[in-house]
């Protein structure tokens, strides 16, 4: 089976979406700009009202492109102003509902590294809102199952005719709606999806400041689309969603108004097609500090202060 095609459109989101046929997209996987004044936002930080006003017509246009069996995975964090936190998923939920879409899951993606706060608890999670156009949506659980904690568990006598039969699915169990950055809990009572965020030593790291990991996009793509479907990211950035689509025999379409990031996406796509792009292997256990490592050893200064 040959690799599917990809397309990167460098244009304003609304103008680019006008080039896409109505109801032609099976799945959107995206994370809109964080509105924190990064370079790719032209260094401008909008007010919360301005930010939402800018995105609402894009969301309306985006929703018109989704097929009847299609989905949108919209990944966002929080807007923080003078120490006050505004959970963006609450505002976006209303926008998608207004377009007639239904929320199927609100996934929590937790990670261990990020900016440290001093006047509140440090933020260590973002949310992925999964919406569908209709009740007849694609959902493939088997490709994204995680290992059973107790694969040998059997039904008790209370189950009647099933007594003594294996209770679990041999392919694994539903990974739940909480995706955890914690290797020691990856096979705990509630198995979790183990997803590190993309920081300086991550193999997928580029100059883009706000990448999400390929594994996050891949799991959405595997669960919510089929081979040959078209996957869209209207804020494609470094090309993660399009590359994940190509990896799993889908058609990838990306949009970015930045010429720099459109070029970066195209470059990474070509590297992927040649087998030269570094990607973190899905399901790989996150490295834990080794005993005796300098950075994982309590410094003498701390011991002195504590004594």
Protein backbone atom coordinates (compact mmCIF):
# COMPACT_ATOMS: atom_id res chain seq x y z
CA UNK A 1 0.00 0.00 0.00
CA UNK A 2 1.52 3.35 -1.04
CA UNK A 3 1.79 6.40 1.18
CA UNK A 4 -1.13 8.82 0.90
CA UNK A 5 -0.73 12.42 -0.25
CA UNK A 6 -0.34 15.59 1.78
CA UNK A 7 -0.93 19.29 1.20
CA UNK A 8 0.25 22.35 3.13
CA UNK A 9 -1.63 25.60 2.43
CA UNK A 10 0.09 28.83 3.46
CA UNK A 11 -2.73 31.34 3.89
CA UNK A 12 -5.10 32.93 6.36
CA UNK A 13 -7.27 30.21 7.94
CA UNK A 14 -10.59 31.44 6.54
CA UNK A 15 -9.23 31.86 3.00
CA UNK A 16 -7.57 28.45 3.14
CA UNK A 17 -10.71 26.73 4.45
CA UNK A 18 -12.62 28.21 1.50
CA UNK A 19 -10.45 25.99 -0.74
CA UNK A 20 -11.71 22.83 0.98
CA UNK A 21 -14.96 21.13 -0.06
CA UNK A 22 -17.90 21.01 2.34
CA UNK A 23 -18.12 17.82 4.42
CA UNK A 24 -14.91 16.45 2.86
CA UNK A 25 -12.89 16.14 6.09
CA UNK A 26 -13.17 13.08 8.31
CA UNK A 27 -11.11 14.42 11.22
CA UNK A 28 -9.57 17.64 12.48
CA UNK A 29 -6.74 17.35 14.99
CA UNK A 30 -5.41 20.74 16.00
CA UNK A 31 -4.27 23.11 18.71
CA UNK A 32 -5.03 26.80 18.02
CA UNK A 33 -2.38 29.44 18.81
CA UNK A 34 -1.95 29.82 22.56
CA UNK A 35 -2.29 33.62 22.54
CA UNK A 36 0.76 34.14 24.73
CA UNK A 37 2.66 36.51 22.44
CA UNK A 38 4.90 33.94 20.76
CA UNK A 39 6.76 34.79 17.55
CA UNK A 40 4.27 32.85 15.40
CA UNK A 41 1.55 35.10 16.86
CA UNK A 42 3.52 38.17 15.66
CA UNK A 43 4.43 38.83 19.28
CA UNK A 44 0.93 40.16 19.96
CA UNK A 45 -1.17 38.97 22.88
CA UNK A 46 -4.87 39.61 22.36
CA UNK A 47 -7.39 40.05 25.13
CA UNK A 48 -9.49 36.99 25.86
CA UNK A 49 -12.46 38.61 24.10
CA UNK A 50 -10.38 39.43 21.00
CA UNK A 51 -8.91 35.92 20.92
CA UNK A 52 -12.31 34.23 21.05
CA UNK A 53 -13.78 36.68 18.53
CA UNK A 54 -10.94 35.86 16.12
CA UNK A 55 -11.42 32.08 16.42
CA UNK A 56 -15.22 31.87 16.33
CA UNK A 57 -15.64 32.39 12.53
CA UNK A 58 -12.78 29.95 11.92
CA UNK A 59 -14.57 27.33 14.02
CA UNK A 60 -17.83 27.95 12.16
CA UNK A 61 -16.08 27.53 8.80
CA UNK A 62 -14.20 24.48 10.07
CA UNK A 63 -17.38 22.75 11.22
CA UNK A 64 -18.87 23.04 7.74
CA UNK A 65 -16.00 20.94 6.35
CA UNK A 66 -16.58 17.90 8.59
CA UNK A 67 -18.23 14.80 7.10
CA UNK A 68 -21.35 13.28 8.67
CA UNK A 69 -19.21 10.57 10.31
CA UNK A 70 -16.45 13.02 11.17
CA UNK A 71 -14.89 14.45 14.32
CA UNK A 72 -12.91 17.41 15.64
CA UNK A 73 -10.19 17.07 18.31
CA UNK A 74 -9.51 20.57 19.66
CA UNK A 75 -6.56 20.75 22.09
CA UNK A 76 -6.28 23.81 24.34
CA UNK A 77 -4.88 25.01 27.64
CA UNK A 78 -5.82 27.97 29.83
CA UNK A 79 -5.73 31.72 29.32
CA UNK A 80 -4.05 33.43 32.29
CA UNK A 81 -4.34 37.16 32.94
CA UNK A 82 -2.88 38.79 36.07
CA UNK A 83 -2.90 35.46 37.85
CA UNK A 84 -6.53 34.68 37.01
CA UNK A 85 -7.12 31.45 35.05
CA UNK A 86 -9.73 31.20 32.30
CA UNK A 87 -10.27 27.57 31.11
CA UNK A 88 -10.46 27.93 27.33
CA UNK A 89 -12.23 24.63 26.75
CA UNK A 90 -15.35 26.06 28.41
CA UNK A 91 -15.55 28.89 25.87
CA UNK A 92 -14.83 26.63 22.90
CA UNK A 93 -17.40 24.08 24.04
CA UNK A 94 -20.12 26.72 23.58
CA UNK A 95 -18.84 27.62 20.10
CA UNK A 96 -18.90 24.04 18.84
CA UNK A 97 -22.30 23.39 20.41
CA UNK A 98 -23.63 26.44 18.61
CA UNK A 99 -22.49 24.81 15.36
CA UNK A 100 -24.52 21.71 16.21
CA UNK A 101 -21.60 19.51 17.27
CA UNK A 102 -21.76 17.08 20.20
CA UNK A 103 -19.03 16.58 22.81
CA UNK A 104 -18.06 12.91 23.14
CA UNK A 105 -15.06 13.21 25.47
CA UNK A 106 -13.09 15.84 27.30
CA UNK A 107 -9.65 14.24 27.51
CA UNK A 108 -7.12 15.45 30.06
CA UNK A 109 -3.52 15.36 28.87
CA UNK A 110 -1.20 15.61 31.89
CA UNK A 111 2.55 16.19 31.67
CA UNK A 112 5.31 16.80 34.19
CA UNK A 113 7.19 19.72 32.64
CA UNK A 114 6.10 23.29 31.97
CA UNK A 115 6.29 26.81 33.33
CA UNK A 116 6.59 27.04 37.10
CA UNK A 117 4.11 29.25 38.98
CA UNK A 118 4.85 31.00 42.27
CA UNK A 119 1.43 32.39 43.25
CA UNK A 120 -0.68 29.35 42.28
CA UNK A 121 -0.16 25.66 41.56
CA UNK A 122 1.89 25.08 38.39
CA UNK A 123 -0.21 24.15 35.36
CA UNK A 124 0.51 20.62 34.17
CA UNK A 125 -2.39 19.66 31.93
CA UNK A 126 -4.26 20.61 28.79
CA UNK A 127 -7.56 19.36 27.43
CA UNK A 128 -8.57 17.74 24.15
CA UNK A 129 -12.24 18.27 23.28
CA UNK A 130 -13.60 15.58 20.96
CA UNK A 131 -16.71 16.65 19.05
CA UNK A 132 -18.73 14.83 16.38
CA UNK A 133 -21.12 16.19 13.77
CA UNK A 134 -23.67 13.37 14.15
CA UNK A 135 -24.36 10.25 16.22
CA UNK A 136 -23.07 8.10 13.33
CA UNK A 137 -19.38 8.76 13.92
CA UNK A 138 -16.30 6.57 13.43
CA UNK A 139 -14.77 5.20 16.61
CA UNK A 140 -12.14 2.45 16.38
CA UNK A 141 -11.19 1.36 19.90
CA UNK A 142 -9.00 -1.64 19.08
CA UNK A 143 -6.04 0.27 17.54
CA UNK A 144 -5.62 2.39 20.70
CA UNK A 145 -6.22 -0.12 23.49
CA UNK A 146 -3.70 -0.36 26.34
CA UNK A 147 -2.52 -3.54 28.10
CA UNK A 148 -4.79 -5.17 30.68
CA UNK A 149 -3.62 -4.87 34.27
CA UNK A 150 -5.03 -8.31 35.09
CA UNK A 151 -5.12 -10.24 31.79
CA UNK A 152 -5.92 -13.50 33.60
CA UNK A 153 -8.97 -12.15 35.47
CA UNK A 154 -12.14 -14.22 35.06
CA UNK A 155 -15.85 -13.60 35.67
CA UNK A 156 -17.15 -14.65 39.07
CA UNK A 157 -20.06 -17.05 39.65
CA UNK A 158 -22.37 -14.03 39.95
CA UNK A 159 -22.08 -13.57 36.18
CA UNK A 160 -24.12 -16.71 35.55
CA UNK A 161 -23.32 -18.21 32.17
CA UNK A 162 -20.05 -16.24 31.95
CA UNK A 163 -18.65 -17.63 35.23
CA UNK A 164 -15.04 -18.70 34.79
CA UNK A 165 -14.63 -17.00 31.41
CA UNK A 166 -11.90 -14.40 30.88
CA UNK A 167 -13.36 -10.96 31.59
CA UNK A 168 -10.95 -8.80 29.60
CA UNK A 169 -10.38 -8.17 25.91
CA UNK A 170 -7.23 -9.91 24.59
CA UNK A 171 -6.36 -6.75 22.65
CA UNK A 172 -6.30 -4.65 25.82
CA UNK A 173 -8.63 -2.23 27.54
CA UNK A 174 -10.07 1.20 26.83
CA UNK A 175 -7.34 3.77 27.61
CA UNK A 176 -9.83 6.14 29.35
CA UNK A 177 -10.05 9.92 28.94
CA UNK A 178 -6.98 10.76 31.07
CA UNK A 179 -3.64 10.74 29.30
CA UNK A 180 -0.86 10.69 31.85
CA UNK A 181 2.83 11.58 31.77
CA UNK A 182 3.82 9.04 34.42
CA UNK A 183 5.63 5.78 33.60
CA UNK A 184 5.13 4.25 37.03
CA UNK A 185 1.37 4.64 36.66
CA UNK A 186 1.13 3.45 33.06
CA UNK A 187 -0.08 0.04 34.21
CA UNK A 188 -1.77 0.97 37.48
CA UNK A 189 -5.39 0.29 38.41
CA UNK A 190 -6.51 2.65 35.67
CA UNK A 191 -4.10 2.29 32.71
CA UNK A 192 -3.24 5.66 31.20
CA UNK A 193 -1.92 7.01 27.93
CA UNK A 194 1.71 7.93 28.49
CA UNK A 195 2.39 11.15 26.54
CA UNK A 196 5.34 13.45 27.28
CA UNK A 197 5.17 17.02 26.05
CA UNK A 198 7.68 18.17 23.42
CA UNK A 199 10.56 19.84 25.23
CA UNK A 200 14.24 20.47 24.41
CA UNK A 201 15.42 16.82 24.52
CA UNK A 202 12.37 15.37 22.76
CA UNK A 203 13.30 13.79 19.38
CA UNK A 204 10.47 15.68 17.63
CA UNK A 205 11.48 19.14 18.90
CA UNK A 206 11.72 21.90 16.27
CA UNK A 207 11.90 25.69 16.49
CA UNK A 208 8.11 25.80 16.91
CA UNK A 209 7.50 26.74 20.58
CA UNK A 210 4.19 24.91 21.15
CA UNK A 211 4.31 21.45 19.57
CA UNK A 212 2.10 18.62 20.71
CA UNK A 213 3.57 15.10 20.42
CA UNK A 214 2.98 12.95 17.36
CA UNK A 215 1.61 10.20 19.59
CA UNK A 216 -1.32 12.41 20.64
CA UNK A 217 -2.28 13.05 17.02
CA UNK A 218 -1.75 9.40 16.08
CA UNK A 219 -4.12 8.09 18.72
CA UNK A 220 -6.87 10.48 17.66
CA UNK A 221 -6.31 9.54 14.01
CA UNK A 222 -6.33 5.79 14.63
CA UNK A 223 -9.48 5.94 16.75
CA UNK A 224 -11.53 8.45 14.78
CA UNK A 225 -10.75 7.78 11.11
CA UNK A 226 -10.12 4.96 8.66
CA UNK A 227 -7.41 4.30 6.08
CA UNK A 228 -7.71 6.72 3.16
CA UNK A 229 -9.64 9.39 5.09
CA UNK A 230 -8.63 13.06 4.98
CA UNK A 231 -7.22 14.60 8.17
CA UNK A 232 -6.96 18.39 8.57
CA UNK A 233 -5.01 20.67 10.88
CA UNK A 234 -5.94 24.36 10.35
CA UNK A 235 -3.01 25.48 12.56
CA UNK A 236 -0.46 22.96 11.36
CA UNK A 237 2.68 24.55 12.86
CA UNK A 238 5.47 21.99 12.55
CA UNK A 239 3.34 19.50 10.60
CA UNK A 240 2.75 16.94 13.36
CA UNK A 241 -0.87 16.11 12.41
CA UNK A 242 -0.13 15.74 8.69
CA UNK A 243 2.86 13.48 9.38
CA UNK A 244 0.77 11.33 11.73
CA UNK A 245 -1.91 11.08 9.02
CA UNK A 246 0.63 9.94 6.41
CA UNK A 247 2.13 7.44 8.86
CA UNK A 248 -1.23 5.71 9.13
CA UNK A 249 -2.25 5.78 5.45
CA UNK A 250 -4.48 8.87 5.60
CA UNK A 251 -4.47 12.03 3.48
CA UNK A 252 -3.02 14.97 5.43
CA UNK A 253 -3.96 18.63 4.89
CA UNK A 254 -2.38 21.45 6.88
CA UNK A 255 -2.95 25.20 7.00
CA UNK A 256 -0.65 27.86 8.43
CA UNK A 257 -0.46 31.57 7.66
CA UNK A 258 3.24 31.62 8.61
CA UNK A 259 5.52 31.03 5.62
CA UNK A 260 8.22 29.86 8.03
CA UNK A 261 6.09 27.15 9.62
CA UNK A 262 4.51 26.09 6.32
CA UNK A 263 8.05 25.56 5.02
CA UNK A 264 9.00 23.71 8.22
CA UNK A 265 6.00 21.39 7.80
CA UNK A 266 6.89 20.63 4.19
CA UNK A 267 10.51 19.95 5.16
CA UNK A 268 9.51 17.54 7.93
CA UNK A 269 7.02 15.77 5.67
CA UNK A 270 9.76 15.18 3.08
CA UNK A 271 12.08 13.84 5.79
CA UNK A 272 9.32 11.51 6.95
CA UNK A 273 8.71 10.22 3.43
CA UNK A 274 12.44 9.48 3.12
CA UNK A 275 12.46 7.72 6.49
CA UNK A 276 14.78 10.32 8.02
CA UNK A 277 12.44 12.11 10.45
CA UNK A 278 12.99 11.43 14.14
CA UNK A 279 9.75 10.50 15.93
CA UNK A 280 9.27 9.22 19.45
CA UNK A 281 8.13 5.58 19.33
CA UNK A 282 4.49 5.34 20.45
CA UNK A 283 4.09 3.67 23.84
CA UNK A 284 7.76 4.08 24.75
CA UNK A 285 8.25 4.38 28.51
CA UNK A 286 9.37 7.86 29.53
CA UNK A 287 12.92 7.91 30.83
CA UNK A 288 13.28 8.07 34.61
CA UNK A 289 16.40 9.52 36.29
CA UNK A 290 18.98 6.89 37.20
CA UNK A 291 20.14 6.50 40.77
CA UNK A 292 23.23 8.62 41.37
CA UNK A 293 22.65 11.05 38.48
CA UNK A 294 23.72 14.54 39.48
CA UNK A 295 20.41 16.20 38.61
CA UNK A 296 18.37 13.53 40.43
CA UNK A 297 20.45 13.63 43.62
CA UNK A 298 19.40 15.94 46.47
CA UNK A 299 22.03 18.71 46.56
CA UNK A 300 24.08 19.23 49.72
CA UNK A 301 22.75 22.81 50.02
CA UNK A 302 19.20 21.49 50.45
CA UNK A 303 20.31 18.94 53.03
CA UNK A 304 22.07 21.66 55.00
CA UNK A 305 18.98 23.89 54.95
CA UNK A 306 16.75 21.04 56.11
CA UNK A 307 19.00 20.12 59.06
